[in-house]
C-alpha atoms as a PDB file:
ATOM      1  CA  MET A   1     -28.315  -5.010 -19.384  1.00  0.00           C
ATOM      2  CA  LYS A   2     -28.271  -3.257 -16.008  1.00  0.00           C
ATOM      3  CA  LEU A   3     -25.261  -1.086 -16.148  1.00  0.00           C
ATOM      4  CA  SER A   4     -24.716  -1.861 -11.911  1.00  0.00           C
ATOM      5  CA  GLN A   5     -25.429  -5.482 -12.228  1.00  0.00           C
ATOM      6  CA  LEU A   6     -22.711  -6.135 -15.485  1.00  0.00           C
ATOM      7  CA  ILE A   7     -19.736  -4.205 -12.329  1.00  0.00           C
ATOM      8  CA  GLY A   8     -20.928  -6.781 -10.426  1.00  0.00           C
ATOM      9  CA  GLU A   9     -20.843  -9.498 -13.035  1.00  0.00           C
ATOM     10  CA  TYR A  10     -17.013  -8.423 -13.356  1.00  0.00           C
ATOM     11  CA  VAL A  11     -15.731  -7.087  -9.753  1.00  0.00           C
ATOM     12  CA  ALA A  12     -16.662 -10.878  -8.906  1.00  0.00           C
ATOM     13  CA  PHE A  13     -15.010 -12.245 -12.365  1.00  0.00           C
ATOM     14  CA  LYS A  14     -12.149 -10.025 -11.815  1.00  0.00           C
ATOM     15  CA  LYS A  15     -11.993 -11.615  -7.814  1.00  0.00           C
ATOM     16  CA  SER A  16     -11.342 -14.352  -8.546  1.00  0.00           C
ATOM     17  CA  LEU A  17      -8.031 -13.690 -10.945  1.00  0.00           C
ATOM     18  CA  GLY A  18      -6.929 -11.682  -8.187  1.00  0.00           C
ATOM     19  CA  GLY A  19      -7.153  -8.371 -10.310  1.00  0.00           C
ATOM     20  CA  VAL A  20      -9.440  -5.767  -8.758  1.00  0.00           C
ATOM     21  CA  GLY A  21      -8.577  -4.035  -5.893  1.00  0.00           C
ATOM     22  CA  ARG A  22     -10.913  -1.514  -4.279  1.00  0.00           C
ATOM     23  CA  THR A  23      -9.817   1.290  -5.802  1.00  0.00           C
ATOM     24  CA  ASP A  24     -11.407  -0.615  -8.844  1.00  0.00           C
ATOM     25  CA  GLU A  25     -14.396  -1.081  -7.078  1.00  0.00           C
ATOM     26  CA  TYR A  26     -15.005   2.117  -5.676  1.00  0.00           C
ATOM     27  CA  VAL A  27     -14.501   3.503  -8.450  1.00  0.00           C
ATOM     28  CA  LEU A  28     -16.709   1.169 -10.707  1.00  0.00           C
ATOM     29  CA  ARG A  29     -19.148   0.963  -8.170  1.00  0.00           C
ATOM     30  CA  ALA A  30     -19.678   5.518  -8.184  1.00  0.00           C
ATOM     31  CA  PHE A  31     -19.809   5.485 -12.139  1.00  0.00           C
ATOM     32  CA  SER A  32     -22.799   2.982 -10.456  1.00  0.00           C
ATOM     33  CA  ARG A  33     -24.193   5.469  -8.931  1.00  0.00           C
ATOM     34  CA  ALA A  34     -23.318   8.474 -11.295  1.00  0.00           C
ATOM     35  CA  MET A  35     -25.014   6.690 -14.319  1.00  0.00           C
ATOM     36  CA  GLY A  36     -28.052   5.202 -12.273  1.00  0.00           C
ATOM     37  CA  ASP A  37     -28.106   2.243 -11.624  1.00  0.00           C
ATOM     38  CA  GLU A  38     -30.921   1.170 -13.581  1.00  0.00           C
ATOM     39  CA  ILE A  39     -29.188   2.354 -16.376  1.00  0.00           C
ATOM     40  CA  ASP A  40     -29.116   0.120 -19.606  1.00  0.00           C
ATOM     41  CA  ILE A  41     -25.212  -0.265 -20.159  1.00  0.00           C
ATOM     42  CA  ARG A  42     -25.913   0.594 -22.974  1.00  0.00           C
ATOM     43  CA  ASP A  43     -27.984   3.618 -22.564  1.00  0.00           C
ATOM     44  CA  VAL A  44     -24.377   5.607 -21.119  1.00  0.00           C
ATOM     45  CA  GLN A  45     -23.232   8.414 -22.776  1.00  0.00           C
ATOM     46  CA  SER A  46     -19.800   9.668 -23.416  1.00  0.00           C
ATOM     47  CA  ASP A  47     -20.876  12.798 -22.089  1.00  0.00           C
ATOM     48  CA  GLN A  48     -22.117  11.223 -18.602  1.00  0.00           C
ATOM     49  CA  VAL A  49     -19.093   8.892 -18.990  1.00  0.00           C
ATOM     50  CA  SER A  50     -16.705  12.719 -19.726  1.00  0.00           C
ATOM     51  CA  ALA A  51     -18.302  14.363 -17.147  1.00  0.00           C
ATOM     52  CA  PHE A  52     -17.830  11.160 -14.062  1.00  0.00           C
ATOM     53  CA  LEU A  53     -14.399  11.725 -15.446  1.00  0.00           C
ATOM     54  CA  ALA A  54     -13.723  15.335 -15.198  1.00  0.00           C
ATOM     55  CA  GLY A  55     -15.495  15.578 -11.926  1.00  0.00           C
ATOM     56  CA  SER A  56     -15.287  18.753 -10.430  1.00  0.00           C
ATOM     57  CA  GLY A  57     -12.174  19.663 -10.128  1.00  0.00           C
ATOM     58  CA  PRO A  58      -9.056  19.747 -12.130  1.00  0.00           C
ATOM     59  CA  VAL A  59      -7.908  16.931 -14.670  1.00  0.00           C
ATOM     60  CA  THR A  60      -5.511  15.217 -11.430  1.00  0.00           C
ATOM     61  CA  SER A  61      -4.053  11.551 -11.200  1.00  0.00           C
ATOM     62  CA  HIS A  62      -6.757  10.292 -10.282  1.00  0.00           C
ATOM     63  CA  TRP A  63      -8.568  11.301 -13.934  1.00  0.00           C
ATOM     64  CA  HIS A  64      -6.689   8.555 -15.062  1.00  0.00           C
ATOM     65  CA  ARG A  65      -6.588   6.018 -12.017  1.00  0.00           C
ATOM     66  CA  LYS A  66     -10.860   6.815 -13.018  1.00  0.00           C
ATOM     67  CA  TYR A  67     -10.135   6.054 -16.915  1.00  0.00           C
ATOM     68  CA  CYS A  68      -8.336   2.551 -15.950  1.00  0.00           C
ATOM     69  CA  SER A  69     -10.519   1.468 -13.782  1.00  0.00           C
ATOM     70  CA  LEU A  70     -13.297   2.546 -16.423  1.00  0.00           C
ATOM     71  CA  ILE A  71     -11.231   1.161 -20.003  1.00  0.00           C
ATOM     72  CA  SER A  72     -10.736  -2.189 -18.465  1.00  0.00           C
ATOM     73  CA  PHE A  73     -14.620  -3.131 -17.430  1.00  0.00           C
ATOM     74  CA  TYR A  74     -15.799  -1.710 -20.570  1.00  0.00           C
ATOM     75  CA  ARG A  75     -12.813  -4.996 -22.223  1.00  0.00           C
ATOM     76  CA  TYR A  76     -14.936  -6.726 -20.409  1.00  0.00           C
ATOM     77  CA  ALA A  77     -18.382  -5.369 -21.807  1.00  0.00           C
ATOM     78  CA  ILE A  78     -17.273  -4.851 -25.044  1.00  0.00           C
ATOM     79  CA  ALA A  79     -15.385  -9.162 -25.225  1.00  0.00           C
ATOM     80  CA  HIS A  80     -19.271 -10.210 -23.247  1.00  0.00           C
ATOM     81  CA  GLY A  81     -21.670  -8.292 -26.677  1.00  0.00           C
ATOM     82  CA  HIS A  82     -22.657  -6.424 -24.052  1.00  0.00           C
ATOM     83  CA  VAL A  83     -22.013  -3.320 -25.828  1.00  0.00           C
ATOM     84  CA  ALA A  84     -19.843  -2.441 -29.589  1.00  0.00           C
ATOM     85  CA  SER A  85     -17.939   0.112 -28.733  1.00  0.00           C
ATOM     86  CA  SER A  86     -16.785   1.864 -25.256  1.00  0.00           C
ATOM     87  CA  PRO A  87     -17.952   5.474 -24.463  1.00  0.00           C
ATOM     88  CA  LEU A  88     -14.728   6.746 -23.125  1.00  0.00           C
ATOM     89  CA  PRO A  89     -13.035   9.909 -24.406  1.00  0.00           C
ATOM     90  CA  THR A  90     -10.588   8.760 -27.212  1.00  0.00           C
ATOM     91  CA  VAL A  91      -7.934  11.990 -26.335  1.00  0.00           C
ATOM     92  CA  LEU A  92      -6.778  12.001 -23.105  1.00  0.00           C
ATOM     93  CA  PRO A  93      -5.320  14.895 -20.868  1.00  0.00           C
ATOM     94  CA  LYS A  94      -1.348  15.008 -19.826  1.00  0.00           C
ATOM     95  CA  GLN A  95      -0.722  12.486 -16.988  1.00  0.00           C
ATOM     96  CA  ALA A  96      -0.042  14.602 -14.103  1.00  0.00           C
ATOM     97  CA  GLU A  97       3.386  14.316 -13.404  1.00  0.00           C
ATOM     98  CA  ARG A  98       4.568  11.000 -10.305  1.00  0.00           C
ATOM     99  CA  PHE A  99       4.203  11.894  -7.217  1.00  0.00           C
ATOM    100  CA  ALA A 100       7.848  10.960  -5.549  1.00  0.00           C
ATOM    101  CA  PRO A 101       7.229   9.551  -2.059  1.00  0.00           C
ATOM    102  CA  HIS A 102       9.559   9.877   0.261  1.00  0.00           C
ATOM    103  CA  ILE A 103      12.685   7.169   1.153  1.00  0.00           C
ATOM    104  CA  TYR A 104      13.110   7.391   4.924  1.00  0.00           C
ATOM    105  CA  SER A 105      17.228   6.320   5.517  1.00  0.00           C
ATOM    106  CA  ARG A 106      18.453   5.056   8.776  1.00  0.00           C
ATOM    107  CA  ASP A 107      19.170   8.099  10.580  1.00  0.00           C
ATOM    108  CA  GLU A 108      15.386   9.489   9.587  1.00  0.00           C
ATOM    109  CA  LEU A 109      14.306   5.815  10.509  1.00  0.00           C
ATOM    110  CA  ARG A 110      16.082   5.985  14.085  1.00  0.00           C
ATOM    111  CA  ARG A 111      15.499   9.465  14.376  1.00  0.00           C
ATOM    112  CA  LEU A 112      11.370   8.589  14.132  1.00  0.00           C
ATOM    113  CA  LEU A 113      11.243   5.612  16.192  1.00  0.00           C
ATOM    114  CA  ASP A 114      13.576   7.147  19.401  1.00  0.00           C
ATOM    115  CA  ALA A 115      10.981  10.207  18.869  1.00  0.00           C
ATOM    116  CA  THR A 116       8.002   7.759  19.908  1.00  0.00           C
ATOM    117  CA  ASP A 117       9.538   7.778  23.800  1.00  0.00           C
ATOM    118  CA  LEU A 118       9.377  11.146  23.866  1.00  0.00           C
ATOM    119  CA  TYR A 119       6.515  12.821  22.337  1.00  0.00           C
ATOM    120  CA  ARG A 120       2.919  12.313  23.161  1.00  0.00           C
ATOM    121  CA  HIS A 121       0.024  12.723  21.298  1.00  0.00           C
ATOM    122  CA  GLY A 122      -2.810  13.195  23.514  1.00  0.00           C
ATOM    123  CA  ARG A 123      -1.890  10.646  25.157  1.00  0.00           C
ATOM    124  CA  LEU A 124      -4.202   8.157  23.227  1.00  0.00           C
ATOM    125  CA  ILE A 125      -1.178   5.998  22.171  1.00  0.00           C
ATOM    126  CA  GLU A 126       1.151   4.653  24.250  1.00  0.00           C
ATOM    127  CA  PRO A 127       4.871   5.123  22.873  1.00  0.00           C
ATOM    128  CA  HIS A 128       6.225   1.456  22.777  1.00  0.00           C
ATOM    129  CA  THR A 129       3.152   0.861  21.018  1.00  0.00           C
ATOM    130  CA  PHE A 130       3.884   3.739  17.849  1.00  0.00           C
ATOM    131  CA  ARG A 131       7.170   2.494  18.047  1.00  0.00           C
ATOM    132  CA  THR A 132       5.963  -1.017  17.840  1.00  0.00           C
ATOM    133  CA  LEU A 133       4.210   0.020  14.985  1.00  0.00           C
ATOM    134  CA  LEU A 134       6.261   1.189  12.824  1.00  0.00           C
ATOM    135  CA  LEU A 135       9.230  -1.260  13.343  1.00  0.00           C
ATOM    136  CA  LEU A 136       6.432  -3.989  11.837  1.00  0.00           C
ATOM    137  CA  LEU A 137       5.150  -1.063   8.277  1.00  0.00           C
ATOM    138  CA  TYR A 138       9.096  -0.292   7.790  1.00  0.00           C
ATOM    139  CA  GLY A 139       9.914  -4.727   9.096  1.00  0.00           C
ATOM    140  CA  THR A 140       7.468  -6.333   6.414  1.00  0.00           C
ATOM    141  CA  GLY A 141       6.028  -3.222   4.588  1.00  0.00           C
ATOM    142  CA  LEU A 142       2.663  -3.825   5.644  1.00  0.00           C
ATOM    143  CA  ARG A 143      -0.067  -1.459   4.515  1.00  0.00           C
ATOM    144  CA  ILE A 144      -1.345   0.739   7.574  1.00  0.00           C
ATOM    145  CA  SER A 145      -4.619  -0.360   7.202  1.00  0.00           C
ATOM    146  CA  GLU A 146      -3.789  -4.214   7.028  1.00  0.00           C
ATOM    147  CA  ALA A 147      -1.654  -3.435  10.874  1.00  0.00           C
ATOM    148  CA  LEU A 148      -4.496  -1.821  12.316  1.00  0.00           C
ATOM    149  CA  SER A 149      -6.290  -4.474  11.137  1.00  0.00           C
ATOM    150  CA  LEU A 150      -4.451  -7.667  12.809  1.00  0.00           C
ATOM    151  CA  THR A 151      -6.332  -9.329  15.911  1.00  0.00           C
ATOM    152  CA  LEU A 152      -4.409 -11.505  18.385  1.00  0.00           C
ATOM    153  CA  ASN A 153      -5.749 -14.798  16.034  1.00  0.00           C
ATOM    154  CA  ASP A 154      -3.405 -13.025  13.463  1.00  0.00           C
ATOM    155  CA  VAL A 155      -0.257 -12.510  14.991  1.00  0.00           C
ATOM    156  CA  ASP A 156       1.502 -15.856  15.566  1.00  0.00           C
ATOM    157  CA  LEU A 157       5.039 -15.546  17.539  1.00  0.00           C
ATOM    158  CA  GLN A 158       6.164 -18.580  18.177  1.00  0.00           C
ATOM    159  CA  GLU A 159       6.083 -19.401  14.357  1.00  0.00           C
ATOM    160  CA  ALA A 160       7.347 -15.661  13.898  1.00  0.00           C
ATOM    161  CA  VAL A 161       4.361 -14.935  10.944  1.00  0.00           C
ATOM    162  CA  ILE A 162       1.349 -12.522  10.496  1.00  0.00           C
ATOM    163  CA  ILE A 163      -1.921 -14.065   9.084  1.00  0.00           C
ATOM    164  CA  VAL A 164      -3.527 -10.527   6.574  1.00  0.00           C
ATOM    165  CA  ARG A 165      -7.179 -10.750   6.009  1.00  0.00           C
ATOM    166  CA  ASP A 166      -8.748  -9.329   2.947  1.00  0.00           C
ATOM    167  CA  THR A 167      -5.688  -7.375   1.599  1.00  0.00           C
ATOM    168  CA  LYS A 168      -6.840  -4.760  -0.827  1.00  0.00           C
ATOM    169  CA  PHE A 169      -6.481  -7.513  -3.390  1.00  0.00           C
ATOM    170  CA  TYR A 170      -9.669  -9.236  -1.372  1.00  0.00           C
ATOM    171  CA  LYS A 171      -6.651 -11.785  -0.276  1.00  0.00           C
ATOM    172  CA  THR A 172      -5.629 -13.391   2.752  1.00  0.00           C
ATOM    173  CA  ARG A 173      -1.172 -13.946   2.871  1.00  0.00           C
ATOM    174  CA  LEU A 174       0.661 -15.107   5.455  1.00  0.00           C
ATOM    175  CA  VAL A 175       4.003 -12.525   6.212  1.00  0.00           C
ATOM    176  CA  PRO A 176       7.202 -14.557   8.019  1.00  0.00           C
ATOM    177  CA  ILE A 177       9.158 -11.448  10.168  1.00  0.00           C
ATOM    178  CA  GLY A 178      12.767 -11.850  11.164  1.00  0.00           C
ATOM    179  CA  THR A 179      14.033 -12.548  14.243  1.00  0.00           C
ATOM    180  CA  GLN A 180      14.195  -9.179  15.505  1.00  0.00           C
ATOM    181  CA  LEU A 181      11.441  -7.392  14.918  1.00  0.00           C
ATOM    182  CA  CYS A 182       9.548 -10.777  16.096  1.00  0.00           C
ATOM    183  CA  GLU A 183      11.442 -10.131  19.663  1.00  0.00           C
ATOM    184  CA  VAL A 184       9.940  -6.680  19.599  1.00  0.00           C
ATOM    185  CA  MET A 185       5.882  -7.725  18.787  1.00  0.00           C
ATOM    186  CA  VAL A 186       6.343 -10.174  22.155  1.00  0.00           C
ATOM    187  CA  GLN A 187       7.706  -7.737  24.549  1.00  0.00           C
ATOM    188  CA  TYR A 188       4.473  -5.655  22.659  1.00  0.00           C
ATOM    189  CA  ALA A 189       2.459  -8.077  23.571  1.00  0.00           C
ATOM    190  CA  LYS A 190       3.801  -8.665  27.448  1.00  0.00           C
ATOM    191  CA  ARG A 191       3.286  -4.578  27.758  1.00  0.00           C
ATOM    192  CA  ARG A 192      -0.080  -5.529  26.572  1.00  0.00           C
ATOM    193  CA  LYS A 193      -1.196  -8.684  28.476  1.00  0.00           C
ATOM    194  CA  GLU A 194       0.540  -6.376  31.393  1.00  0.00           C
ATOM    195  CA  SER A 195      -1.465  -3.865  30.426  1.00  0.00           C
ATOM    196  CA  LYS A 196      -4.993  -6.325  30.777  1.00  0.00           C
ATOM    197  CA  HIS A 197      -5.841  -5.456  27.314  1.00  0.00           C
ATOM    198  CA  SER A 198      -8.398  -7.609  26.312  1.00  0.00           C
ATOM    199  CA  GLN A 199      -6.799 -11.372  25.369  1.00  0.00           C
ATOM    200  CA  ASP A 200      -9.805 -12.134  23.019  1.00  0.00           C
ATOM    201  CA  LYS A 201      -8.405 -13.717  20.403  1.00  0.00           C
ATOM    202  CA  SER A 202     -10.351 -11.398  18.052  1.00  0.00           C
ATOM    203  CA  ALA A 203      -9.675  -8.243  19.876  1.00  0.00           C
ATOM    204  CA  PRO A 204      -6.846  -5.928  17.884  1.00  0.00           C
ATOM    205  CA  PHE A 205      -3.551  -6.378  18.628  1.00  0.00           C
ATOM    206  CA  PHE A 206      -2.255  -2.781  18.722  1.00  0.00           C
ATOM    207  CA  VAL A 207      -4.645  -0.586  20.363  1.00  0.00           C
ATOM    208  CA  THR A 208      -5.088   2.642  22.887  1.00  0.00           C
ATOM    209  CA  ARG A 209      -3.943   2.977  25.990  1.00  0.00           C
ATOM    210  CA  ARG A 210      -7.806   2.650  27.164  1.00  0.00           C
ATOM    211  CA  SER A 211      -8.141   0.073  24.399  1.00  0.00           C
ATOM    212  CA  ALA A 212      -9.634   1.190  22.046  1.00  0.00           C
ATOM    213  CA  PRO A 213      -8.480   0.431  18.131  1.00  0.00           C
ATOM    214  CA  LEU A 214      -5.926   2.750  16.582  1.00  0.00           C
ATOM    215  CA  THR A 215      -7.647   4.344  13.802  1.00  0.00           C
ATOM    216  CA  VAL A 216      -5.635   5.495  10.413  1.00  0.00           C
ATOM    217  CA  PHE A 217      -6.278   8.498  11.094  1.00  0.00           C
ATOM    218  CA  LEU A 218      -5.117   9.242  14.670  1.00  0.00           C
ATOM    219  CA  VAL A 219      -2.378   7.207  13.734  1.00  0.00           C
ATOM    220  CA  GLU A 220      -1.232   8.990  10.661  1.00  0.00           C
ATOM    221  CA  CYS A 221      -2.036  12.767  12.357  1.00  0.00           C
ATOM    222  CA  SER A 222      -0.254  10.748  15.374  1.00  0.00           C
ATOM    223  CA  PHE A 223       2.589  10.896  13.058  1.00  0.00           C
ATOM    224  CA  GLN A 224       2.527  13.976  11.615  1.00  0.00           C
ATOM    225  CA  ARG A 225       3.420  15.983  14.735  1.00  0.00           C
ATOM    226  CA  LEU A 226       5.934  12.640  15.674  1.00  0.00           C
ATOM    227  CA  ARG A 227       7.366  13.306  11.750  1.00  0.00           C
ATOM    228  CA  ASP A 228       7.762  17.329  12.976  1.00  0.00           C
ATOM    229  CA  HIS A 229       8.885  16.178  16.500  1.00  0.00           C
ATOM    230  CA  ALA A 230      12.221  14.570  15.224  1.00  0.00           C
ATOM    231  CA  GLY A 231      13.002  16.879  12.372  1.00  0.00           C
ATOM    232  CA  VAL A 232      12.013  14.105   9.077  1.00  0.00           C
ATOM    233  CA  ARG A 233      11.267  16.506   6.087  1.00  0.00           C
ATOM    234  CA  ARG A 234      11.134  17.266   2.639  1.00  0.00           C
ATOM    235  CA  VAL A 235      13.408  20.036   0.905  1.00  0.00           C
ATOM    236  CA  ASP A 236      12.876  18.621  -2.296  1.00  0.00           C
ATOM    237  CA  GLY A 237       9.782  20.691  -2.695  1.00  0.00           C
ATOM    238  CA  ALA A 238       7.298  17.925  -2.677  1.00  0.00           C
ATOM    239  CA  ARG A 239       3.839  18.374  -2.791  1.00  0.00           C
ATOM    240  CA  TYR A 240       3.683  16.302   0.403  1.00  0.00           C
ATOM    241  CA  GLN A 241       6.084  16.067   3.604  1.00  0.00           C
ATOM    242  CA  PRO A 242       7.748  12.574   4.746  1.00  0.00           C
ATOM    243  CA  ARG A 243       4.082  10.241   5.179  1.00  0.00           C
ATOM    244  CA  LEU A 244       3.648   6.974   7.341  1.00  0.00           C
ATOM    245  CA  HIS A 245       2.666   5.029   3.725  1.00  0.00           C
ATOM    246  CA  ASP A 246       6.386   6.108   2.930  1.00  0.00           C
ATOM    247  CA  LEU A 247       7.509   3.611   5.252  1.00  0.00           C
ATOM    248  CA  ARG A 248       6.520   0.736   2.573  1.00  0.00           C
ATOM    249  CA  HIS A 249       8.018   2.573   0.100  1.00  0.00           C
ATOM    250  CA  THR A 250      11.114   2.603   1.983  1.00  0.00           C
ATOM    251  CA  PHE A 251      10.622  -1.426   3.058  1.00  0.00           C
ATOM    252  CA  ALA A 252      10.779  -2.205  -0.815  1.00  0.00           C
ATOM    253  CA  VAL A 253      14.071  -0.210  -1.588  1.00  0.00           C
ATOM    254  CA  HIS A 254      15.779  -1.351   1.277  1.00  0.00           C
ATOM    255  CA  ARG A 255      15.501  -4.697   0.386  1.00  0.00           C
ATOM    256  CA  LEU A 256      16.219  -4.785  -2.922  1.00  0.00           C
ATOM    257  CA  THR A 257      18.865  -3.456  -2.029  1.00  0.00           C
ATOM    258  CA  ALA A 258      19.743  -5.698   0.058  1.00  0.00           C
ATOM    259  CA  GLY A 259      19.845  -7.882  -2.545  1.00  0.00           C
ATOM    260  CA  TYR A 260      22.201  -6.331  -4.628  1.00  0.00           C
ATOM    261  CA  ARG A 261      24.229  -6.287  -2.362  1.00  0.00           C
ATOM    262  CA  GLU A 262      23.926 -10.409  -0.429  1.00  0.00           C
ATOM    263  CA  LYS A 263      24.316 -10.682  -4.047  1.00  0.00           C
ATOM    264  CA  GLN A 264      21.351 -12.474  -4.734  1.00  0.00           C
ATOM    265  CA  ASN A 265      19.572 -12.610  -7.718  1.00  0.00           C
ATOM    266  CA  VAL A 266      16.915  -9.550  -7.606  1.00  0.00           C
ATOM    267  CA  GLN A 267      15.291 -11.195 -10.660  1.00  0.00           C
ATOM    268  CA  LYS A 268      13.633 -14.244  -8.368  1.00  0.00           C
ATOM    269  CA  LEU A 269      13.678 -11.855  -5.426  1.00  0.00           C
ATOM    270  CA  LEU A 270      10.986  -9.149  -7.665  1.00  0.00           C
ATOM    271  CA  PRO A 271       8.669 -12.203  -7.729  1.00  0.00           C
ATOM    272  CA  GLN A 272       8.155 -12.627  -4.148  1.00  0.00           C
ATOM    273  CA  LEU A 273       8.865  -9.798  -3.026  1.00  0.00           C
ATOM    274  CA  SER A 274       4.925  -8.821  -4.936  1.00  0.00           C
ATOM    275  CA  THR A 275       3.829 -11.185  -3.217  1.00  0.00           C
ATOM    276  CA  TYR A 276       5.399 -10.601   0.468  1.00  0.00           C
ATOM    277  CA  MET A 277       3.630  -7.196  -0.361  1.00  0.00           C
ATOM    278  CA  GLY A 278       0.995  -8.288  -1.359  1.00  0.00           C
ATOM    279  CA  HIS A 279       0.069  -6.979  -5.044  1.00  0.00           C
ATOM    280  CA  ALA A 280      -1.488  -9.295  -7.741  1.00  0.00           C
ATOM    281  CA  LYS A 281       1.488  -7.799 -10.552  1.00  0.00           C
ATOM    282  CA  ILE A 282       4.820  -7.206  -9.983  1.00  0.00           C
ATOM    283  CA  SER A 283       4.516  -4.149 -11.989  1.00  0.00           C
ATOM    284  CA  SER A 284       2.774  -2.584  -9.061  1.00  0.00           C
ATOM    285  CA  THR A 285       6.066  -3.988  -6.192  1.00  0.00           C
ATOM    286  CA  GLN A 286       7.776  -2.146  -9.340  1.00  0.00           C
ATOM    287  CA  TRP A 287       6.119   1.445  -8.682  1.00  0.00           C
ATOM    288  CA  TYR A 288       7.415   1.095  -4.879  1.00  0.00           C
ATOM    289  CA  LEU A 289      11.414   1.001  -6.620  1.00  0.00           C
ATOM    290  CA  THR A 290      11.918   4.913  -6.582  1.00  0.00           C
ATOM    291  CA  MET A 291      16.320   4.779  -7.485  1.00  0.00           C
ATOM    292  CA  THR A 292      18.338   6.321  -4.629  1.00  0.00           C
ATOM    293  CA  PRO A 293      21.688   6.711  -4.957  1.00  0.00           C
ATOM    294  CA  GLU A 294      22.540   3.453  -2.412  1.00  0.00           C
ATOM    295  CA  LEU A 295      20.263   1.733  -4.595  1.00  0.00           C
ATOM    296  CA  LEU A 296      21.601   2.893  -7.713  1.00  0.00           C
ATOM    297  CA  ARG A 297      25.267   1.981  -6.483  1.00  0.00           C
ATOM    298  CA  GLU A 298      24.475  -1.797  -5.651  1.00  0.00           C
ATOM    299  CA  ALA A 299      23.255  -1.649  -9.529  1.00  0.00           C
ATOM    300  CA  ASN A 300      26.345  -0.548 -11.204  1.00  0.00           C
ATOM    301  CA  LEU A 301      28.072  -2.420  -8.552  1.00  0.00           C
ATOM    302  CA  ARG A 302      26.748  -6.055  -9.555  1.00  0.00           C
ATOM    303  CA  PHE A 303      26.478  -5.164 -14.030  1.00  0.00           C
ATOM    304  CA  ALA A 304      30.348  -4.012 -13.422  1.00  0.00           C
ATOM    305  CA  GLN A 305      30.263  -7.352 -11.734  1.00  0.00           C
ATOM    306  CA  TYR A 306      28.165  -9.136 -14.605  1.00  0.00           C
ATOM    307  CA  ALA A 307      30.428  -7.097 -17.429  1.00  0.00           C
ATOM    308  CA  PHE A 308      33.486  -7.939 -16.230  1.00  0.00           C
ATOM    309  CA  GLU A 309      32.747 -12.030 -15.450  1.00  0.00           C
ATOM    310  CA  GLY A 310      31.702 -11.479 -19.382  1.00  0.00           C
ATOM    311  CA  GLY A 311      35.201 -10.058 -20.700  1.00  0.00           C
ATOM    312  CA  VAL A 312      33.949  -7.001 -21.292  1.00  0.00           C
ATOM    313  CA  GLN A 313      36.083  -4.517 -21.032  1.00  0.00           C
END
């Protein structure tokens, strides 16, 4: 069977199970193009695969990301009798040290939000738009692409719920929002209407001053300048300064910390949190749970309570 044909079959199968993300599909499509779309899967050689994995630069975590996508695909191919063995290397390079995301403190979050009223970026993003967007990202853990894809039809402020369509794992999910966040969204919607932006149900919810849709590039560039303006910086020698995506990590950590503090059943909370964040597996959510002093303290208090109630001296 042609490699491209089998990849299409595999991607469709995994999508039906909700188990393939856009990154996996991107890697497999790139692999097909690199090998030649007309090539038979049995003719793919190990040196070709190694060259694809190596790319043109140093070995990074992306090497392992590509390897994981390919090994899963070849397991499928072997199980269905298309090849007898995998051409992937059996010796893997050492994986790069895991990047530690920045978990914003509440003080840093306040400084970022306060700075939106003072900072201007080319007058494209209005302060109230930027502030509402940041609160939505922190309050729901949405990916920035998901937030910017919202239309007026996707935001039901009467029911306090938003619809996130065609996500990273090709799913649509309902995301309830809290009372305070909902009120912020209501006020933004009113100002959006007063500014005479389009009220068509298919129009983007977040728009620039000139009614154009916000782009990920514009928001990320604006956030970097906002972050510098607010004086929010890392001093731990990390490769990157605090990122917009770190708001999603912060949401997950703060929600789990609150769960401990509110004496919730954390084992039940994790699957709920995973579904809310749009993850296909709990392990994906665990990637977002960086241990912070506050989270560690709450976990230790829970353990101490458990040990005491269990009669442990």
